[in-house]
Structures are given as C-alpha cells and as structure tokens.
Amino acid sequence: MTVTGIISAIVIGLIIGVVARLILPGKQDIPIWLTIVVGIVAALIGSFIAGSFRDTDGIDWVELLIQLVLAVIGVAIVAGAYGRKGVGR
C-alpha cells in the first residue's frame, strides 16, 4: 500500500464510519470521534484486503463495499462494548 493509498483510505474512512453508523439500526451511544476512528481502521483494513484481490484505475466498488461492511461490524462491536462499560457517563 502506497502513501497515497493510506491517505485516501483515511479520507474514505472518515466518510465510511459515519455511513456505517447511519446504516446500523438502533442508537449507538458512542462519540462521533470513535465512529470516525472505527471507519478509518475499517478503511485501512479493507484496502489491504481488497488490494490483494484487484487493482483498478477507477473507483473500486468491491473495496468500498468491503470497507463499509467492516465499518458496520466495527461500529456494532464498539457500540456494544462502549455501552456495556458505561464509559463517559
């Protein structure tokens, strides 16, 4: 993964985290910064996974889908763990 790929994964991760939170049903009691961090991590992992599959010059929809799925799973896990601990309350 190149530096450009890492930077684009971070930018995409900002958006993916928020979209994942909107897709996930119910209320997530986690701060927005944590949602964004989960999105960035999911985007980086998704880029790494998808990078081994394909290489396109345009928009890689498979990579975006992998990143979004990982972000939804990540937000669900973090929201569950964060809510159980009662952190910040």
PDB file of N, CA and C in Angstrom:
ATOM      1  N   MET A   1       0.853  -1.167   0.000  1.00  0.00           N
ATOM      2  CA  MET A   1       0.000   0.000   0.000  1.00  0.00           C
ATOM      3  C   MET A   1       0.903   1.235   0.000  1.00  0.00           C
ATOM      4  N   THR A   2       0.606   2.151  -0.890  1.00  0.00           N
ATOM      5  CA  THR A   2       1.402   3.358  -1.019  1.00  0.00           C
ATOM      6  C   THR A   2       0.914   4.430  -0.051  1.00  0.00           C
ATOM      7  N   VAL A   3       1.673   5.502   0.047  1.00  0.00           N
ATOM      8  CA  VAL A   3       1.285   6.616   0.910  1.00  0.00           C
ATOM      9  C   VAL A   3      -0.025   7.223   0.425  1.00  0.00           C
ATOM     10  N   THR A   4      -0.178   7.332  -0.876  1.00  0.00           N
ATOM     11  CA  THR A   4      -1.427   7.847  -1.439  1.00  0.00           C
ATOM     12  C   THR A   4      -2.596   6.952  -1.069  1.00  0.00           C
ATOM     13  N   GLY A   5      -2.383   5.641  -1.095  1.00  0.00           N
ATOM     14  CA  GLY A   5      -3.429   4.700  -0.708  1.00  0.00           C
ATOM     15  C   GLY A   5      -3.812   4.839   0.750  1.00  0.00           C
ATOM     16  N   ILE A   6      -2.829   5.070   1.601  1.00  0.00           N
ATOM     17  CA  ILE A   6      -3.104   5.242   3.027  1.00  0.00           C
ATOM     18  C   ILE A   6      -3.880   6.533   3.266  1.00  0.00           C
ATOM     19  N   ILE A   7      -3.471   7.607   2.615  1.00  0.00           N
ATOM     20  CA  ILE A   7      -4.170   8.890   2.787  1.00  0.00           C
ATOM     21  C   ILE A   7      -5.602   8.800   2.273  1.00  0.00           C
ATOM     22  N   SER A   8      -5.783   8.156   1.116  1.00  0.00           N
ATOM     23  CA  SER A   8      -7.149   8.026   0.595  1.00  0.00           C
ATOM     24  C   SER A   8      -7.981   7.117   1.478  1.00  0.00           C
ATOM     25  N   ALA A   9      -7.387   6.092   2.082  1.00  0.00           N
ATOM     26  CA  ALA A   9      -8.130   5.222   2.994  1.00  0.00           C
ATOM     27  C   ALA A   9      -8.569   5.990   4.233  1.00  0.00           C
ATOM     28  N   ILE A  10      -7.747   6.908   4.706  1.00  0.00           N
ATOM     29  CA  ILE A  10      -8.115   7.721   5.870  1.00  0.00           C
ATOM     30  C   ILE A  10      -9.271   8.653   5.526  1.00  0.00           C
ATOM     31  N   VAL A  11      -9.200   9.299   4.371  1.00  0.00           N
ATOM     32  CA  VAL A  11     -10.276  10.207   3.958  1.00  0.00           C
ATOM     33  C   VAL A  11     -11.579   9.425   3.746  1.00  0.00           C
ATOM     34  N   ILE A  12     -11.479   8.305   3.051  1.00  0.00           N
ATOM     35  CA  ILE A  12     -12.663   7.462   2.840  1.00  0.00           C
ATOM     36  C   ILE A  12     -13.182   6.940   4.181  1.00  0.00           C
ATOM     37  N   GLY A  13     -12.265   6.618   5.084  1.00  0.00           N
ATOM     38  CA  GLY A  13     -12.654   6.114   6.403  1.00  0.00           C
ATOM     39  C   GLY A  13     -13.474   7.090   7.202  1.00  0.00           C
ATOM     40  N   LEU A  14     -13.190   8.384   7.056  1.00  0.00           N
ATOM     41  CA  LEU A  14     -13.993   9.396   7.737  1.00  0.00           C
ATOM     42  C   LEU A  14     -15.450   9.305   7.305  1.00  0.00           C
ATOM     43  N   ILE A  15     -15.639   9.144   6.022  1.00  0.00           N
ATOM     44  CA  ILE A  15     -16.997   9.065   5.466  1.00  0.00           C
ATOM     45  C   ILE A  15     -17.629   7.717   5.778  1.00  0.00           C
ATOM     46  N   ILE A  16     -16.861   6.651   5.613  1.00  0.00           N
ATOM     47  CA  ILE A  16     -17.381   5.293   5.809  1.00  0.00           C
ATOM     48  C   ILE A  16     -17.857   5.094   7.246  1.00  0.00           C
ATOM     49  N   GLY A  17     -17.136   5.632   8.218  1.00  0.00           N
ATOM     50  CA  GLY A  17     -17.543   5.491   9.619  1.00  0.00           C
ATOM     51  C   GLY A  17     -18.904   6.099   9.887  1.00  0.00           C
ATOM     52  N   VAL A  18     -19.118   7.286   9.359  1.00  0.00           N
ATOM     53  CA  VAL A  18     -20.409   7.962   9.560  1.00  0.00           C
ATOM     54  C   VAL A  18     -21.529   7.212   8.829  1.00  0.00           C
ATOM     55  N   VAL A  19     -21.250   6.755   7.606  1.00  0.00           N
ATOM     56  CA  VAL A  19     -22.257   5.998   6.847  1.00  0.00           C
ATOM     57  C   VAL A  19     -22.583   4.685   7.554  1.00  0.00           C
ATOM     58  N   ALA A  20     -21.574   4.032   8.112  1.00  0.00           N
ATOM     59  CA  ALA A  20     -21.811   2.776   8.835  1.00  0.00           C
ATOM     60  C   ALA A  20     -22.711   3.003  10.036  1.00  0.00           C
ATOM     61  N   ARG A  21     -22.502   4.109  10.713  1.00  0.00           N
ATOM     62  CA  ARG A  21     -23.348   4.423  11.866  1.00  0.00           C
ATOM     63  C   ARG A  21     -24.794   4.681  11.443  1.00  0.00           C
ATOM     64  N   LEU A  22     -24.970   5.290  10.275  1.00  0.00           N
ATOM     65  CA  LEU A  22     -26.324   5.533   9.767  1.00  0.00           C
ATOM     66  C   LEU A  22     -27.002   4.246   9.324  1.00  0.00           C
ATOM     67  N   ILE A  23     -26.213   3.320   8.775  1.00  0.00           N
ATOM     68  CA  ILE A  23     -26.770   2.043   8.311  1.00  0.00           C
ATOM     69  C   ILE A  23     -27.165   1.147   9.475  1.00  0.00           C
ATOM     70  N   LEU A  24     -26.371   1.160  10.527  1.00  0.00           N
ATOM     71  CA  LEU A  24     -26.607   0.282  11.674  1.00  0.00           C
ATOM     72  C   LEU A  24     -27.896   0.685  12.376  1.00  0.00           C
ATOM     73  N   PRO A  25     -28.822  -0.257  12.545  1.00  0.00           N
ATOM     74  CA  PRO A  25     -30.095   0.091  13.185  1.00  0.00           C
ATOM     75  C   PRO A  25     -29.918   0.360  14.681  1.00  0.00           C
ATOM     76  N   GLY A  26     -30.809   1.168  15.214  1.00  0.00           N
ATOM     77  CA  GLY A  26     -30.772   1.473  16.639  1.00  0.00           C
ATOM     78  C   GLY A  26     -29.862   2.646  16.933  1.00  0.00           C
ATOM     79  N   LYS A  27     -29.788   2.963  18.219  1.00  0.00           N
ATOM     80  CA  LYS A  27     -28.971   4.096  18.654  1.00  0.00           C
ATOM     81  C   LYS A  27     -27.634   3.578  19.161  1.00  0.00           C
ATOM     82  N   GLN A  28     -26.576   4.203  18.681  1.00  0.00           N
ATOM     83  CA  GLN A  28     -25.244   3.853  19.145  1.00  0.00           C
ATOM     84  C   GLN A  28     -24.778   4.955  20.092  1.00  0.00           C
ATOM     85  N   ASP A  29     -24.522   4.579  21.322  1.00  0.00           N
ATOM     86  CA  ASP A  29     -24.090   5.556  22.325  1.00  0.00           C
ATOM     87  C   ASP A  29     -22.571   5.659  22.358  1.00  0.00           C
ATOM     88  N   ILE A  30     -22.009   6.031  21.220  1.00  0.00           N
ATOM     89  CA  ILE A  30     -20.566   6.255  21.152  1.00  0.00           C
ATOM     90  C   ILE A  30     -20.331   7.636  20.545  1.00  0.00           C
ATOM     91  N   PRO A  31     -19.239   8.264  20.935  1.00  0.00           N
ATOM     92  CA  PRO A  31     -18.966   9.600  20.372  1.00  0.00           C
ATOM     93  C   PRO A  31     -18.618   9.526  18.891  1.00  0.00           C
ATOM     94  N   ILE A  32     -18.813  10.633  18.201  1.00  0.00           N
ATOM     95  CA  ILE A  32     -18.569  10.673  16.757  1.00  0.00           C
ATOM     96  C   ILE A  32     -17.098  10.443  16.440  1.00  0.00           C
ATOM     97  N   TRP A  33     -16.188  10.895  17.310  1.00  0.00           N
ATOM     98  CA  TRP A  33     -14.763  10.695  17.042  1.00  0.00           C
ATOM     99  C   TRP A  33     -14.421   9.214  17.038  1.00  0.00           C
ATOM    100  N   LEU A  34     -15.087   8.430  17.895  1.00  0.00           N
ATOM    101  CA  LEU A  34     -14.839   6.998  17.930  1.00  0.00           C
ATOM    102  C   LEU A  34     -15.401   6.323  16.679  1.00  0.00           C
ATOM    103  N   THR A  35     -16.533   6.805  16.201  1.00  0.00           N
ATOM    104  CA  THR A  35     -17.104   6.301  14.962  1.00  0.00           C
ATOM    105  C   THR A  35     -16.150   6.553  13.792  1.00  0.00           C
ATOM    106  N   ILE A  36     -15.560   7.730  13.759  1.00  0.00           N
ATOM    107  CA  ILE A  36     -14.621   8.076  12.691  1.00  0.00           C
ATOM    108  C   ILE A  36     -13.368   7.211  12.770  1.00  0.00           C
ATOM    109  N   VAL A  37     -12.869   6.980  13.987  1.00  0.00           N
ATOM    110  CA  VAL A  37     -11.682   6.121  14.152  1.00  0.00           C
ATOM    111  C   VAL A  37     -11.978   4.703  13.662  1.00  0.00           C
ATOM    112  N   VAL A  38     -13.147   4.186  13.995  1.00  0.00           N
ATOM    113  CA  VAL A  38     -13.537   2.849  13.517  1.00  0.00           C
ATOM    114  C   VAL A  38     -13.609   2.842  11.999  1.00  0.00           C
ATOM    115  N   GLY A  39     -14.155   3.897  11.408  1.00  0.00           N
ATOM    116  CA  GLY A  39     -14.225   3.991   9.948  1.00  0.00           C
ATOM    117  C   GLY A  39     -12.857   4.017   9.301  1.00  0.00           C
ATOM    118  N   ILE A  40     -11.921   4.751   9.895  1.00  0.00           N
ATOM    119  CA  ILE A  40     -10.566   4.817   9.350  1.00  0.00           C
ATOM    120  C   ILE A  40      -9.883   3.462   9.430  1.00  0.00           C
ATOM    121  N   VAL A  41     -10.009   2.798  10.561  1.00  0.00           N
ATOM    122  CA  VAL A  41      -9.409   1.464  10.719  1.00  0.00           C
ATOM    123  C   VAL A  41     -10.029   0.484   9.728  1.00  0.00           C
ATOM    124  N   ALA A  42     -11.349   0.534   9.582  1.00  0.00           N
ATOM    125  CA  ALA A  42     -12.029  -0.351   8.630  1.00  0.00           C
ATOM    126  C   ALA A  42     -11.587  -0.068   7.200  1.00  0.00           C
ATOM    127  N   ALA A  43     -11.394   1.199   6.870  1.00  0.00           N
ATOM    128  CA  ALA A  43     -10.953   1.551   5.523  1.00  0.00           C
ATOM    129  C   ALA A  43      -9.538   1.052   5.254  1.00  0.00           C
ATOM    130  N   LEU A  44      -8.660   1.177   6.234  1.00  0.00           N
ATOM    131  CA  LEU A  44      -7.295   0.692   6.061  1.00  0.00           C
ATOM    132  C   LEU A  44      -7.253  -0.824   5.912  1.00  0.00           C
ATOM    133  N   ILE A  45      -7.997  -1.520   6.764  1.00  0.00           N
ATOM    134  CA  ILE A  45      -8.045  -2.986   6.673  1.00  0.00           C
ATOM    135  C   ILE A  45      -8.713  -3.414   5.367  1.00  0.00           C
ATOM    136  N   GLY A  46      -9.795  -2.744   4.999  1.00  0.00           N
ATOM    137  CA  GLY A  46     -10.492  -3.059   3.755  1.00  0.00           C
ATOM    138  C   GLY A  46      -9.630  -2.832   2.530  1.00  0.00           C
ATOM    139  N   SER A  47      -8.826  -1.766   2.546  1.00  0.00           N
ATOM    140  CA  SER A  47      -7.910  -1.514   1.431  1.00  0.00           C
ATOM    141  C   SER A  47      -6.856  -2.605   1.328  1.00  0.00           C
ATOM    142  N   PHE A  48      -6.370  -3.035   2.469  1.00  0.00           N
ATOM    143  CA  PHE A  48      -5.369  -4.103   2.479  1.00  0.00           C
ATOM    144  C   PHE A  48      -5.954  -5.410   1.940  1.00  0.00           C
ATOM    145  N   ILE A  49      -7.169  -5.750   2.380  1.00  0.00           N
ATOM    146  CA  ILE A  49      -7.822  -6.983   1.923  1.00  0.00           C
ATOM    147  C   ILE A  49      -8.135  -6.906   0.430  1.00  0.00           C
ATOM    148  N   ALA A  50      -8.729  -5.807   0.005  1.00  0.00           N
ATOM    149  CA  ALA A  50      -9.120  -5.666  -1.402  1.00  0.00           C
ATOM    150  C   ALA A  50      -7.908  -5.513  -2.312  1.00  0.00           C
ATOM    151  N   GLY A  51      -6.822  -4.989  -1.790  1.00  0.00           N
ATOM    152  CA  GLY A  51      -5.620  -4.826  -2.593  1.00  0.00           C
ATOM    153  C   GLY A  51      -5.045  -6.140  -3.067  1.00  0.00           C
ATOM    154  N   SER A  52      -5.266  -7.189  -2.304  1.00  0.00           N
ATOM    155  CA  SER A  52      -4.766  -8.498  -2.712  1.00  0.00           C
ATOM    156  C   SER A  52      -5.655  -9.133  -3.788  1.00  0.00           C
ATOM    157  N   PHE A  53      -6.883  -8.626  -3.946  1.00  0.00           N
ATOM    158  CA  PHE A  53      -7.805  -9.156  -4.954  1.00  0.00           C
ATOM    159  C   PHE A  53      -7.645  -8.486  -6.311  1.00  0.00           C
ATOM    160  N   ARG A  54      -7.743  -7.153  -6.293  1.00  0.00           N
ATOM    161  CA  ARG A  54      -7.903  -6.411  -7.534  1.00  0.00           C
ATOM    162  C   ARG A  54      -7.020  -5.178  -7.559  1.00  0.00           C
ATOM    163  N   ASP A  55      -6.900  -4.654  -8.757  1.00  0.00           N
ATOM    164  CA  ASP A  55      -6.225  -3.372  -8.938  1.00  0.00           C
ATOM    165  C   ASP A  55      -6.904  -2.665 -10.105  1.00  0.00           C
ATOM    166  N   THR A  56      -7.603  -1.588  -9.798  1.00  0.00           N
ATOM    167  CA  THR A  56      -8.307  -0.842 -10.831  1.00  0.00           C
ATOM    168  C   THR A  56      -7.812   0.597 -10.845  1.00  0.00           C
ATOM    169  N   ASP A  57      -8.019   1.260 -11.969  1.00  0.00           N
ATOM    170  CA  ASP A  57      -7.637   2.657 -12.069  1.00  0.00           C
ATOM    171  C   ASP A  57      -8.770   3.581 -11.651  1.00  0.00           C
ATOM    172  N   GLY A  58      -9.999   3.097 -11.689  1.00  0.00           N
ATOM    173  CA  GLY A  58     -11.153   3.917 -11.342  1.00  0.00           C
ATOM    174  C   GLY A  58     -11.619   3.634  -9.927  1.00  0.00           C
ATOM    175  N   ILE A  59     -12.890   3.837  -9.704  1.00  0.00           N
ATOM    176  CA  ILE A  59     -13.485   3.570  -8.392  1.00  0.00           C
ATOM    177  C   ILE A  59     -13.582   2.061  -8.206  1.00  0.00           C
ATOM    178  N   ASP A  60     -13.059   1.595  -7.110  1.00  0.00           N
ATOM    179  CA  ASP A  60     -13.102   0.162  -6.811  1.00  0.00           C
ATOM    180  C   ASP A  60     -14.285  -0.098  -5.871  1.00  0.00           C
ATOM    181  N   TRP A  61     -15.395  -0.483  -6.463  1.00  0.00           N
ATOM    182  CA  TRP A  61     -16.629  -0.679  -5.692  1.00  0.00           C
ATOM    183  C   TRP A  61     -16.522  -1.842  -4.728  1.00  0.00           C
ATOM    184  N   VAL A  62     -15.773  -2.866  -5.099  1.00  0.00           N
ATOM    185  CA  VAL A  62     -15.598  -4.017  -4.206  1.00  0.00           C
ATOM    186  C   VAL A  62     -14.848  -3.580  -2.946  1.00  0.00           C
ATOM    187  N   GLU A  63     -13.831  -2.775  -3.132  1.00  0.00           N
ATOM    188  CA  GLU A  63     -13.065  -2.275  -1.984  1.00  0.00           C
ATOM    189  C   GLU A  63     -13.949  -1.429  -1.071  1.00  0.00           C
ATOM    190  N   LEU A  64     -14.750  -0.550  -1.650  1.00  0.00           N
ATOM    191  CA  LEU A  64     -15.663   0.272  -0.852  1.00  0.00           C
ATOM    192  C   LEU A  64     -16.671  -0.576  -0.090  1.00  0.00           C
ATOM    193  N   LEU A  65     -17.173  -1.611  -0.727  1.00  0.00           N
ATOM    194  CA  LEU A  65     -18.134  -2.495  -0.060  1.00  0.00           C
ATOM    195  C   LEU A  65     -17.480  -3.232   1.106  1.00  0.00           C
ATOM    196  N   ILE A  66     -16.268  -3.729   0.902  1.00  0.00           N
ATOM    197  CA  ILE A  66     -15.540  -4.408   1.983  1.00  0.00           C
ATOM    198  C   ILE A  66     -15.305  -3.437   3.143  1.00  0.00           C
ATOM    199  N   GLN A  67     -14.895  -2.221   2.826  1.00  0.00           N
ATOM    200  CA  GLN A  67     -14.660  -1.220   3.863  1.00  0.00           C
ATOM    201  C   GLN A  67     -15.934  -0.900   4.631  1.00  0.00           C
ATOM    202  N   LEU A  68     -17.046  -0.770   3.916  1.00  0.00           N
ATOM    203  CA  LEU A  68     -18.311  -0.444   4.570  1.00  0.00           C
ATOM    204  C   LEU A  68     -18.777  -1.574   5.477  1.00  0.00           C
ATOM    205  N   VAL A  69     -18.669  -2.800   5.009  1.00  0.00           N
ATOM    206  CA  VAL A  69     -19.066  -3.953   5.826  1.00  0.00           C
ATOM    207  C   VAL A  69     -18.210  -4.016   7.093  1.00  0.00           C
ATOM    208  N   LEU A  70     -16.906  -3.830   6.935  1.00  0.00           N
ATOM    209  CA  LEU A  70     -16.016  -3.838   8.101  1.00  0.00           C
ATOM    210  C   LEU A  70     -16.347  -2.702   9.066  1.00  0.00           C
ATOM    211  N   ALA A  71     -16.703  -1.539   8.537  1.00  0.00           N
ATOM    212  CA  ALA A  71     -17.055  -0.403   9.389  1.00  0.00           C
ATOM    213  C   ALA A  71     -18.345  -0.658  10.153  1.00  0.00           C
ATOM    214  N   VAL A  72     -19.342  -1.244   9.496  1.00  0.00           N
ATOM    215  CA  VAL A  72     -20.604  -1.550  10.184  1.00  0.00           C
ATOM    216  C   VAL A  72     -20.351  -2.553  11.311  1.00  0.00           C
ATOM    217  N   ILE A  73     -19.574  -3.583  11.020  1.00  0.00           N
ATOM    218  CA  ILE A  73     -19.238  -4.577  12.050  1.00  0.00           C
ATOM    219  C   ILE A  73     -18.462  -3.915  13.188  1.00  0.00           C
ATOM    220  N   GLY A  74     -17.494  -3.061  12.831  1.00  0.00           N
ATOM    221  CA  GLY A  74     -16.694  -2.382  13.847  1.00  0.00           C
ATOM    222  C   GLY A  74     -17.510  -1.458  14.722  1.00  0.00           C
ATOM    223  N   VAL A  75     -18.396  -0.680  14.123  1.00  0.00           N
ATOM    224  CA  VAL A  75     -19.243   0.226  14.904  1.00  0.00           C
ATOM    225  C   VAL A  75     -20.159  -0.572  15.830  1.00  0.00           C
ATOM    226  N   ALA A  76     -20.698  -1.686  15.352  1.00  0.00           N
ATOM    227  CA  ALA A  76     -21.567  -2.523  16.193  1.00  0.00           C
ATOM    228  C   ALA A  76     -20.794  -3.074  17.393  1.00  0.00           C
ATOM    229  N   ILE A  77     -19.582  -3.539  17.149  1.00  0.00           N
ATOM    230  CA  ILE A  77     -18.775  -4.105  18.239  1.00  0.00           C
ATOM    231  C   ILE A  77     -18.391  -3.020  19.246  1.00  0.00           C
ATOM    232  N   VAL A  78     -17.929  -1.882  18.744  1.00  0.00           N
ATOM    233  CA  VAL A  78     -17.503  -0.798  19.636  1.00  0.00           C
ATOM    234  C   VAL A  78     -18.696  -0.232  20.404  1.00  0.00           C
ATOM    235  N   ALA A  79     -19.830  -0.082  19.744  1.00  0.00           N
ATOM    236  CA  ALA A  79     -21.021   0.437  20.427  1.00  0.00           C
ATOM    237  C   ALA A  79     -21.462  -0.509  21.533  1.00  0.00           C
ATOM    238  N   GLY A  80     -21.399  -1.803  21.271  1.00  0.00           N
ATOM    239  CA  GLY A  80     -21.760  -2.778  22.299  1.00  0.00           C
ATOM    240  C   GLY A  80     -20.808  -2.744  23.473  1.00  0.00           C
ATOM    241  N   ALA A  81     -19.515  -2.683  23.204  1.00  0.00           N
ATOM    242  CA  ALA A  81     -18.516  -2.658  24.276  1.00  0.00           C
ATOM    243  C   ALA A  81     -18.552  -1.331  25.033  1.00  0.00           C
ATOM    244  N   TYR A  82     -18.714  -0.242  24.319  1.00  0.00           N
ATOM    245  CA  TYR A  82     -18.739   1.081  24.919  1.00  0.00           C
ATOM    246  C   TYR A  82     -19.982   1.259  25.800  1.00  0.00           C
ATOM    247  N   GLY A  83     -21.110   0.747  25.331  1.00  0.00           N
ATOM    248  CA  GLY A  83     -22.357   0.863  26.073  1.00  0.00           C
ATOM    249  C   GLY A  83     -22.368   0.029  27.346  1.00  0.00           C
ATOM    250  N   ARG A  84     -21.739  -1.149  27.283  1.00  0.00           N
ATOM    251  CA  ARG A  84     -21.695  -2.032  28.467  1.00  0.00           C
ATOM    252  C   ARG A  84     -20.832  -1.453  29.564  1.00  0.00           C
ATOM    253  N   LYS A  85     -19.718  -0.835  29.197  1.00  0.00           N
ATOM    254  CA  LYS A  85     -18.807  -0.300  30.201  1.00  0.00           C
ATOM    255  C   LYS A  85     -19.343   0.974  30.838  1.00  0.00           C
ATOM    256  N   GLY A  86     -20.205   1.665  30.109  1.00  0.00           N
ATOM    257  CA  GLY A  86     -20.741   2.915  30.641  1.00  0.00           C
ATOM    258  C   GLY A  86     -19.692   4.012  30.684  1.00  0.00           C
ATOM    259  N   VAL A  87     -18.739   3.952  29.773  1.00  0.00           N
ATOM    260  CA  VAL A  87     -17.668   4.924  29.728  1.00  0.00           C
ATOM    261  C   VAL A  87     -18.249   6.298  29.400  1.00  0.00           C
ATOM    262  N   GLY A  88     -17.823   7.298  30.119  1.00  0.00           N
ATOM    263  CA  GLY A  88     -18.247   8.658  29.835  1.00  0.00           C
ATOM    264  C   GLY A  88     -19.589   9.018  30.412  1.00  0.00           C
ATOM    265  N   ARG A  89     -20.130   8.221  31.261  1.00  0.00           N
ATOM    266  CA  ARG A  89     -21.443   8.526  31.842  1.00  0.00           C
ATOM    267  C   ARG A  89     -21.317   8.847  33.306  1.00  0.00           C
TER     268      ARG A  89
END
